[in-house]
N, C-alpha and C. Protein backbone atom coordinates (compact mmCIF):
# COMPACT_ATOMS: atom_id res chain seq x y z
N MET A 1 -137.49 -2.55 87.14
CA MET A 1 -137.69 -1.80 87.66
C MET A 1 -138.73 -0.07 87.36
N LYS A 2 -138.21 0.66 85.96
CA LYS A 2 -139.43 1.14 85.78
C LYS A 2 -140.58 0.61 85.30
N ARG A 3 -140.70 -0.83 85.02
CA ARG A 3 -141.95 -1.26 84.74
C ARG A 3 -142.68 -1.16 86.06
N ASN A 4 -142.27 -1.47 87.71
CA ASN A 4 -143.17 -1.31 88.18
C ASN A 4 -143.13 -0.37 89.12
N ILE A 5 -142.39 0.61 88.45
CA ILE A 5 -142.47 1.97 88.59
C ILE A 5 -144.10 2.23 88.15
N ILE A 6 -144.09 2.35 86.86
CA ILE A 6 -145.43 2.67 86.14
C ILE A 6 -146.97 1.63 86.34
N LEU A 7 -146.57 0.29 86.60
CA LEU A 7 -147.19 -0.50 87.16
C LEU A 7 -148.09 0.29 88.11
N SER A 8 -146.80 0.37 89.22
CA SER A 8 -147.79 1.34 90.91
C SER A 8 -148.44 2.16 90.47
N ILE A 9 -147.68 3.19 89.67
CA ILE A 9 -148.79 4.56 89.48
C ILE A 9 -150.00 4.17 88.41
N MET A 10 -150.45 2.97 88.02
CA MET A 10 -151.38 3.06 87.32
C MET A 10 -152.08 2.25 87.92
N LEU A 11 -152.09 1.23 88.74
CA LEU A 11 -152.47 0.52 90.20
C LEU A 11 -153.51 2.07 91.09
N VAL A 12 -152.48 2.41 91.38
CA VAL A 12 -152.93 4.11 92.10
C VAL A 12 -153.97 4.43 92.08
N SER A 13 -153.72 4.75 90.26
CA SER A 13 -154.84 5.24 89.31
C SER A 13 -155.98 4.82 89.30
N MET A 14 -155.52 4.08 89.29
CA MET A 14 -157.24 2.86 89.23
C MET A 14 -158.25 2.83 90.38
N ILE A 15 -156.83 2.98 91.58
CA ILE A 15 -158.09 2.95 92.57
C ILE A 15 -158.92 3.95 92.92
N ILE A 16 -157.41 5.10 92.73
CA ILE A 16 -158.36 6.43 92.67
C ILE A 16 -159.62 6.62 92.38
N SER A 17 -159.94 6.49 90.56
CA SER A 17 -160.60 6.91 89.89
C SER A 17 -161.68 5.46 90.48
N SER A 18 -161.59 4.35 91.11
CA SER A 18 -162.76 3.12 91.10
C SER A 18 -164.27 3.90 91.40
N SER A 19 -164.54 4.69 92.10
CA SER A 19 -165.38 5.52 92.34
C SER A 19 -166.10 5.77 90.53
N TYR A 20 -165.53 5.95 89.94
CA TYR A 20 -165.89 6.63 88.58
C TYR A 20 -166.19 5.06 88.13
N ALA A 21 -165.50 4.37 88.09
CA ALA A 21 -165.46 2.96 86.97
C ALA A 21 -167.12 1.85 88.32
N GLU A 22 -167.24 2.68 89.64
CA GLU A 22 -168.18 1.65 89.34
C GLU A 22 -169.50 2.29 89.41
N THR A 23 -169.97 3.52 88.80
CA THR A 23 -170.71 4.04 88.55
C THR A 23 -170.89 3.41 86.81
N LYS A 24 -170.39 3.34 86.33
CA LYS A 24 -170.34 3.23 84.42
C LYS A 24 -170.11 2.62 84.15
N THR A 25 -170.32 1.00 82.97
CA THR A 25 -169.74 0.16 82.61
C THR A 25 -168.66 0.47 81.12
N ALA A 26 -168.42 -0.26 81.03
CA ALA A 26 -167.34 -0.07 79.64
C ALA A 26 -168.74 -0.08 78.42
N GLU A 27 -169.41 -0.64 78.36
CA GLU A 27 -170.46 -0.68 77.36
C GLU A 27 -171.29 0.77 77.62
N GLN A 28 -171.98 1.37 78.59
CA GLN A 28 -172.13 2.60 78.40
C GLN A 28 -171.45 3.61 78.39
N LEU A 29 -170.09 3.60 78.76
CA LEU A 29 -168.96 4.51 78.24
C LEU A 29 -169.22 4.16 76.75
N VAL A 30 -168.62 3.58 76.00
CA VAL A 30 -168.73 3.72 74.67
C VAL A 30 -169.89 3.93 73.84
N ALA A 31 -171.00 3.75 74.61
CA ALA A 31 -172.55 3.69 73.79
C ALA A 31 -172.41 5.24 74.11
N SER A 32 -172.37 5.85 75.14
CA SER A 32 -172.36 7.37 75.66
C SER A 32 -171.74 8.18 74.52
N MET A 33 -170.76 7.58 73.91
CA MET A 33 -169.55 8.78 72.68
C MET A 33 -170.10 8.56 71.23
N LYS A 34 -169.96 9.58 70.25
CA LYS A 34 -170.19 9.20 68.72
C LYS A 34 -169.41 8.67 68.25
N LYS A 35 -169.95 7.54 67.30
CA LYS A 35 -168.98 6.52 66.90
C LYS A 35 -168.03 7.57 65.73
N ALA A 36 -167.08 6.69 65.75
CA ALA A 36 -165.65 7.22 65.09
C ALA A 36 -165.53 6.33 63.77
N ASP A 37 -165.14 7.22 62.82
CA ASP A 37 -164.83 5.77 61.68
C ASP A 37 -162.98 5.59 61.47
N MET A 38 -162.83 5.22 62.75
CA MET A 38 -161.72 4.51 62.55
C MET A 38 -161.39 2.93 63.96
N THR A 39 -160.56 2.42 63.72
CA THR A 39 -160.68 1.85 64.77
C THR A 39 -159.83 2.26 65.92
N TYR A 40 -159.71 1.42 67.35
CA TYR A 40 -158.66 1.82 68.36
C TYR A 40 -158.00 2.23 68.16
N ARG A 41 -157.04 1.34 67.61
CA ARG A 41 -155.48 1.81 66.75
C ARG A 41 -155.30 3.04 66.41
N GLN A 42 -156.79 2.99 65.04
CA GLN A 42 -156.08 4.48 64.92
C GLN A 42 -156.56 5.80 66.24
N LEU A 43 -157.62 5.52 66.23
CA LEU A 43 -157.57 6.70 67.77
C LEU A 43 -156.70 6.43 69.07
N MET A 44 -156.10 5.69 69.44
CA MET A 44 -155.06 6.01 70.14
C MET A 44 -153.89 6.46 69.26
N GLU A 45 -153.80 6.68 68.28
CA GLU A 45 -152.32 7.21 67.48
C GLU A 45 -153.14 9.22 67.18
N VAL A 46 -154.46 9.28 67.25
CA VAL A 46 -154.88 10.68 67.17
C VAL A 46 -154.23 11.15 68.53
N MET A 47 -155.20 10.51 69.69
CA MET A 47 -154.80 10.76 70.54
C MET A 47 -152.94 11.33 70.75
N GLY A 48 -152.75 10.34 70.44
CA GLY A 48 -150.99 9.71 71.19
C GLY A 48 -150.71 11.57 70.18
N ARG A 49 -151.42 11.81 68.90
CA ARG A 49 -150.73 13.04 68.07
C ARG A 49 -151.50 14.73 69.15
N SER A 50 -152.44 14.33 69.86
CA SER A 50 -153.28 15.19 70.62
C SER A 50 -152.04 15.63 71.65
N THR A 51 -151.54 14.76 72.37
CA THR A 51 -150.85 14.83 73.29
C THR A 51 -149.74 15.90 73.44
N SER A 52 -148.92 15.21 71.84
CA SER A 52 -148.22 15.81 70.92
C SER A 52 -148.39 17.41 70.85
N MET A 53 -149.50 17.56 70.41
CA MET A 53 -149.82 18.49 70.42
C MET A 53 -149.70 19.84 71.66
N MET A 54 -150.73 19.23 72.60
CA MET A 54 -150.46 19.44 73.97
C MET A 54 -148.87 19.88 74.31
N HIS A 55 -148.09 19.25 74.34
CA HIS A 55 -146.81 19.02 74.82
C HIS A 55 -146.56 20.58 74.25
N GLU A 56 -145.90 20.49 72.51
CA GLU A 56 -145.61 21.40 71.65
C GLU A 56 -145.93 22.81 72.16
N GLY A 57 -147.30 22.83 72.48
CA GLY A 57 -148.14 24.18 73.08
C GLY A 57 -147.50 24.81 74.40
N ILE A 58 -146.96 23.22 75.83
CA ILE A 58 -146.76 23.97 76.87
C ILE A 58 -145.21 24.44 76.11
N LEU A 59 -144.13 23.96 75.71
CA LEU A 59 -142.66 24.24 74.98
C LEU A 59 -142.88 25.68 74.58
N ARG A 60 -144.13 25.58 73.61
CA ARG A 60 -143.92 27.29 72.64
C ARG A 60 -144.89 28.43 74.00
N GLU A 61 -145.12 27.82 74.90
CA GLU A 61 -146.02 29.03 76.12
C GLU A 61 -147.17 29.37 75.26
N ASN A 62 -147.86 28.47 74.17
CA ASN A 62 -148.97 28.73 73.67
C ASN A 62 -150.26 28.09 74.10
N LYS A 63 -151.01 28.57 74.74
CA LYS A 63 -152.64 28.20 75.37
C LYS A 63 -153.38 27.80 74.23
N GLN A 64 -153.42 28.52 72.91
CA GLN A 64 -154.56 27.85 72.06
C GLN A 64 -154.37 26.46 71.66
N MET A 65 -152.71 25.78 71.37
CA MET A 65 -152.71 24.66 70.54
C MET A 65 -152.24 23.20 72.19
N VAL A 66 -153.00 24.09 73.31
CA VAL A 66 -152.79 22.75 74.49
C VAL A 66 -154.10 22.75 74.52
N GLU A 67 -154.77 23.98 74.53
CA GLU A 67 -156.29 23.73 74.08
C GLU A 67 -156.62 22.73 72.89
N VAL A 68 -156.60 22.66 71.76
CA VAL A 68 -156.33 22.18 70.72
C VAL A 68 -156.29 20.49 71.11
N GLY A 69 -155.20 20.75 71.68
CA GLY A 69 -155.02 19.11 71.26
C GLY A 69 -155.82 18.32 72.47
N ALA A 70 -156.37 19.38 73.74
CA ALA A 70 -157.07 18.44 74.84
C ALA A 70 -158.59 18.44 74.29
N ASN A 71 -158.57 19.30 73.46
CA ASN A 71 -160.00 18.80 72.56
C ASN A 71 -160.26 17.53 72.26
N PHE A 72 -159.44 16.86 71.87
CA PHE A 72 -159.77 15.67 71.44
C PHE A 72 -160.25 14.79 72.23
N ILE A 73 -158.89 15.00 72.76
CA ILE A 73 -159.05 13.90 74.15
C ILE A 73 -159.54 13.89 75.44
N LEU A 74 -160.59 15.49 75.29
CA LEU A 74 -161.93 15.75 76.24
C LEU A 74 -162.85 14.98 75.38
N THR A 75 -162.89 15.12 74.54
CA THR A 75 -164.12 14.65 73.28
C THR A 75 -163.90 13.54 72.66
N HIS A 76 -163.08 12.91 72.62
CA HIS A 76 -162.81 11.72 71.84
C HIS A 76 -163.80 11.14 71.58
N PRO A 77 -164.08 10.09 70.48
CA PRO A 77 -164.90 9.69 70.22
C PRO A 77 -164.71 7.35 70.39
N ALA A 78 -165.85 6.86 70.12
CA ALA A 78 -165.49 5.84 70.46
C ALA A 78 -165.38 5.30 69.33
N PRO A 79 -163.95 4.08 69.11
CA PRO A 79 -163.85 3.51 67.71
C PRO A 79 -165.34 2.82 67.10
N ASN A 80 -164.76 2.33 65.79
CA ASN A 80 -166.22 1.68 64.88
C ASN A 80 -166.50 0.71 65.70
N HIS A 81 -165.88 0.30 66.61
CA HIS A 81 -165.97 -1.63 66.89
C HIS A 81 -165.80 -1.49 68.54
N LYS A 82 -165.86 -2.33 69.05
CA LYS A 82 -165.99 -2.53 70.10
C LYS A 82 -164.20 -2.54 70.95
N PRO A 83 -164.07 -2.08 71.67
CA PRO A 83 -162.77 -1.35 71.88
C PRO A 83 -162.22 -2.70 72.45
N TRP A 84 -162.83 -4.01 72.99
CA TRP A 84 -162.28 -5.15 73.58
C TRP A 84 -162.40 -5.73 73.30
N SER A 85 -162.81 -6.21 71.98
CA SER A 85 -162.90 -7.02 70.94
C SER A 85 -161.00 -7.43 70.53
N ILE A 86 -160.28 -6.21 70.87
CA ILE A 86 -158.86 -6.44 70.13
C ILE A 86 -158.03 -7.24 71.26
N MET A 87 -158.51 -7.52 72.24
CA MET A 87 -158.20 -8.85 73.48
C MET A 87 -158.99 -9.74 73.40
N LYS A 88 -158.01 -10.70 74.06
CA LYS A 88 -158.44 -12.11 73.53
C LYS A 88 -160.06 -12.27 75.19
N LYS A 89 -160.55 -13.02 74.67
CA LYS A 89 -161.42 -13.30 75.59
C LYS A 89 -161.42 -13.45 76.82
N GLU A 90 -160.10 -14.04 77.77
CA GLU A 90 -160.06 -13.88 78.93
C GLU A 90 -159.57 -12.82 78.93
N ASP A 91 -159.19 -11.45 78.68
CA ASP A 91 -158.34 -10.11 79.23
C ASP A 91 -159.43 -9.08 78.49
N GLN A 92 -160.64 -9.57 78.34
CA GLN A 92 -161.24 -8.69 77.78
C GLN A 92 -162.68 -7.61 79.62
N LYS A 93 -162.25 -8.02 80.61
CA LYS A 93 -163.95 -7.88 81.49
C LYS A 93 -161.63 -6.79 82.24
N GLY A 94 -160.74 -7.46 82.46
CA GLY A 94 -159.68 -6.29 82.32
C GLY A 94 -159.36 -4.94 81.90
N PHE A 95 -159.34 -5.21 80.31
CA PHE A 95 -159.79 -4.54 79.61
C PHE A 95 -160.28 -3.01 79.75
N LYS A 96 -161.95 -3.49 79.65
CA LYS A 96 -163.18 -3.61 80.56
C LYS A 96 -162.41 -2.55 80.94
N GLN A 97 -162.46 -2.80 82.16
CA GLN A 97 -162.26 -2.14 83.92
C GLN A 97 -161.06 -1.00 83.46
N SER A 98 -160.22 -0.96 82.92
CA SER A 98 -158.59 -0.11 82.18
C SER A 98 -159.18 0.78 81.98
N LEU A 99 -160.39 0.72 80.86
CA LEU A 99 -160.79 1.77 79.50
C LEU A 99 -161.66 3.30 80.47
N LEU A 100 -162.24 2.11 81.45
CA LEU A 100 -163.22 3.13 82.17
C LEU A 100 -162.01 3.85 82.95
N ALA A 101 -161.32 3.26 84.03
CA ALA A 101 -160.30 3.86 84.98
C ALA A 101 -159.31 4.95 84.21
N PHE A 102 -158.46 4.67 83.04
CA PHE A 102 -158.03 5.76 82.02
C PHE A 102 -158.37 6.79 81.09
N ASP A 103 -159.99 6.46 81.36
CA ASP A 103 -160.82 7.32 80.02
C ASP A 103 -160.91 8.47 81.39
N LYS A 104 -161.23 8.54 82.42
CA LYS A 104 -161.27 9.37 83.78
C LYS A 104 -160.10 10.15 83.75
N ILE A 105 -159.12 8.80 83.71
CA ILE A 105 -157.31 9.47 84.04
C ILE A 105 -156.64 10.81 83.12
N LEU A 106 -157.48 10.13 81.80
CA LEU A 106 -156.14 11.24 80.60
C LEU A 106 -157.06 12.45 81.31
N ASP A 107 -158.52 12.48 81.14
CA ASP A 107 -159.76 13.96 81.29
C ASP A 107 -158.70 14.57 82.60
N ILE A 108 -158.62 14.07 83.79
CA ILE A 108 -158.13 14.68 85.05
C ILE A 108 -156.83 15.48 84.52
N HIS A 109 -156.00 14.73 83.89
CA HIS A 109 -154.66 15.00 83.50
C HIS A 109 -155.04 16.34 82.65
N THR A 110 -155.16 15.71 82.13
CA THR A 110 -155.65 16.78 80.22
C THR A 110 -155.98 17.91 81.09
N GLU A 111 -157.16 18.18 81.82
CA GLU A 111 -158.19 19.17 82.23
C GLU A 111 -156.90 20.08 82.98
N ALA A 112 -156.08 19.23 83.93
CA ALA A 112 -155.33 20.20 84.78
C ALA A 112 -153.96 20.26 83.75
N MET A 113 -153.80 20.47 82.23
CA MET A 113 -153.13 20.94 81.63
C MET A 113 -153.37 22.15 81.09
N VAL A 114 -154.74 21.94 80.46
CA VAL A 114 -155.29 23.19 79.91
C VAL A 114 -155.66 24.13 81.27
N GLU A 115 -156.12 23.94 82.32
CA GLU A 115 -155.84 24.97 83.45
C GLU A 115 -154.44 25.77 83.68
N ALA A 116 -153.84 25.00 84.10
CA ALA A 116 -152.74 25.54 83.93
C ALA A 116 -152.14 26.52 82.64
N ALA A 117 -152.19 26.16 81.93
CA ALA A 117 -152.37 26.59 80.66
C ALA A 117 -152.37 27.94 80.31
N LYS A 118 -154.23 28.18 81.17
CA LYS A 118 -154.71 29.63 80.72
C LYS A 118 -153.96 30.02 81.79
N LYS A 119 -153.42 29.57 83.19
CA LYS A 119 -152.80 31.11 83.81
C LYS A 119 -151.52 30.77 83.67
N GLU A 120 -151.25 30.44 82.36
CA GLU A 120 -149.70 30.90 82.14
C GLU A 120 -148.98 30.39 83.47
N ASP A 121 -148.87 29.12 83.73
CA ASP A 121 -148.36 28.72 84.24
C ASP A 121 -148.15 27.41 83.61
N TRP A 122 -146.58 27.00 82.90
CA TRP A 122 -145.89 26.14 82.08
C TRP A 122 -145.22 25.22 83.02
N ILE A 123 -145.24 25.58 84.00
CA ILE A 123 -144.08 24.77 85.05
C ILE A 123 -145.05 23.81 85.54
N GLU A 124 -146.07 23.82 85.33
CA GLU A 124 -147.36 23.25 86.44
C GLU A 124 -148.13 22.36 85.36
N ALA A 125 -148.34 23.12 83.94
CA ALA A 125 -148.79 22.04 82.64
C ALA A 125 -147.83 21.36 82.05
N SER A 126 -146.43 21.49 82.75
CA SER A 126 -145.50 20.40 82.09
C SER A 126 -146.02 19.28 82.78
N LYS A 127 -146.15 20.13 84.14
CA LYS A 127 -146.20 18.17 85.26
C LYS A 127 -147.13 17.56 84.79
N ALA A 128 -148.17 18.27 84.65
CA ALA A 128 -149.55 17.63 84.13
C ALA A 128 -149.31 16.87 83.18
N SER A 129 -148.50 17.13 81.85
CA SER A 129 -148.23 16.42 80.46
C SER A 129 -147.72 15.45 81.09
N HIS A 130 -146.71 15.24 81.78
CA HIS A 130 -145.74 14.74 82.16
C HIS A 130 -146.93 12.98 82.51
N GLU A 131 -147.89 13.89 83.96
CA GLU A 131 -148.58 12.57 84.60
C GLU A 131 -149.76 11.93 83.32
N LEU A 132 -150.00 12.97 82.37
CA LEU A 132 -150.51 12.57 81.10
C LEU A 132 -150.03 10.85 80.27
N LEU A 133 -148.72 11.66 80.06
CA LEU A 133 -147.85 10.93 78.82
C LEU A 133 -147.74 9.32 80.06
N ASN A 134 -147.46 9.46 81.30
CA ASN A 134 -147.16 8.09 82.24
C ASN A 134 -148.11 7.62 82.56
N SER A 135 -149.60 8.20 82.16
CA SER A 135 -150.57 7.33 82.26
C SER A 135 -150.85 6.03 80.86
N CYS A 136 -150.73 6.97 79.66
CA CYS A 136 -150.19 6.52 78.09
C CYS A 136 -149.65 5.31 78.72
N VAL A 137 -148.03 5.59 78.67
CA VAL A 137 -147.60 4.66 79.20
C VAL A 137 -147.78 3.35 80.26
N SER A 138 -148.25 3.71 80.79
CA SER A 138 -148.48 2.67 81.91
C SER A 138 -149.57 1.63 81.52
N CYS A 139 -150.85 1.93 80.52
CA CYS A 139 -151.78 1.32 80.15
C CYS A 139 -150.95 0.82 78.62
N HIS A 140 -150.26 1.02 77.90
CA HIS A 140 -149.60 0.45 77.15
C HIS A 140 -149.01 -0.93 77.62
N VAL A 141 -148.09 -0.97 78.71
CA VAL A 141 -147.42 -1.60 79.50
C VAL A 141 -148.46 -2.36 79.45
N MET A 142 -149.03 -2.18 80.25
CA MET A 142 -150.07 -3.76 80.67
C MET A 142 -150.86 -4.29 79.49
N TRP A 143 -151.21 -3.46 78.27
CA TRP A 143 -152.14 -4.09 77.21
C TRP A 143 -151.31 -4.65 76.40
N ARG A 144 -150.19 -3.92 75.83
CA ARG A 144 -149.88 -3.95 74.29
C ARG A 144 -149.23 -5.69 73.91
N ASN A 145 -148.91 -6.08 74.52
CA ASN A 145 -148.66 -7.55 74.68
C ASN A 145 -149.79 -8.29 74.53
N LYS A 146 -151.74 -8.29 74.83
CA LYS A 146 -152.36 -9.24 74.93
C LYS A 146 -153.17 -8.69 73.87
N VAL A 147 -153.27 -7.77 72.98
CA VAL A 147 -153.49 -7.60 71.73
C VAL A 147 -153.99 -8.44 71.24
N LYS A 148 -154.65 -9.03 70.40
CA LYS A 148 -155.27 -10.28 69.58
C LYS A 148 -154.47 -9.75 68.04
């Protein structure tokens, strides 16, 4: 049941962001980013710590913590390899589409958290944090068992 809800959220989010996905390829997205000296897994771990910092900032009602955590998500680099290379060949096309969709979705929810925190609207910031976490979980549920 929970899995179906999460997948539904992910599919709706991907549909909403389809106009973004149509204008840029995964290759273009990755090429537009600074290269990090870390793997995709390490990048996701840092993204997780960034979301934790934003969540803690909301709990402490600390705008700066929210902004510092958000900065990494909004300006994150690309890993030191093609992210889709972690997937089997038959899953790479779908994973590329997910990268495009979720890159935009993460930005939308992160920006909403920052804007709400600036206004000291901690309930709205918390709602945006919840949406961000749901997006992360949706992607992980979809792909975690397909990694090579």
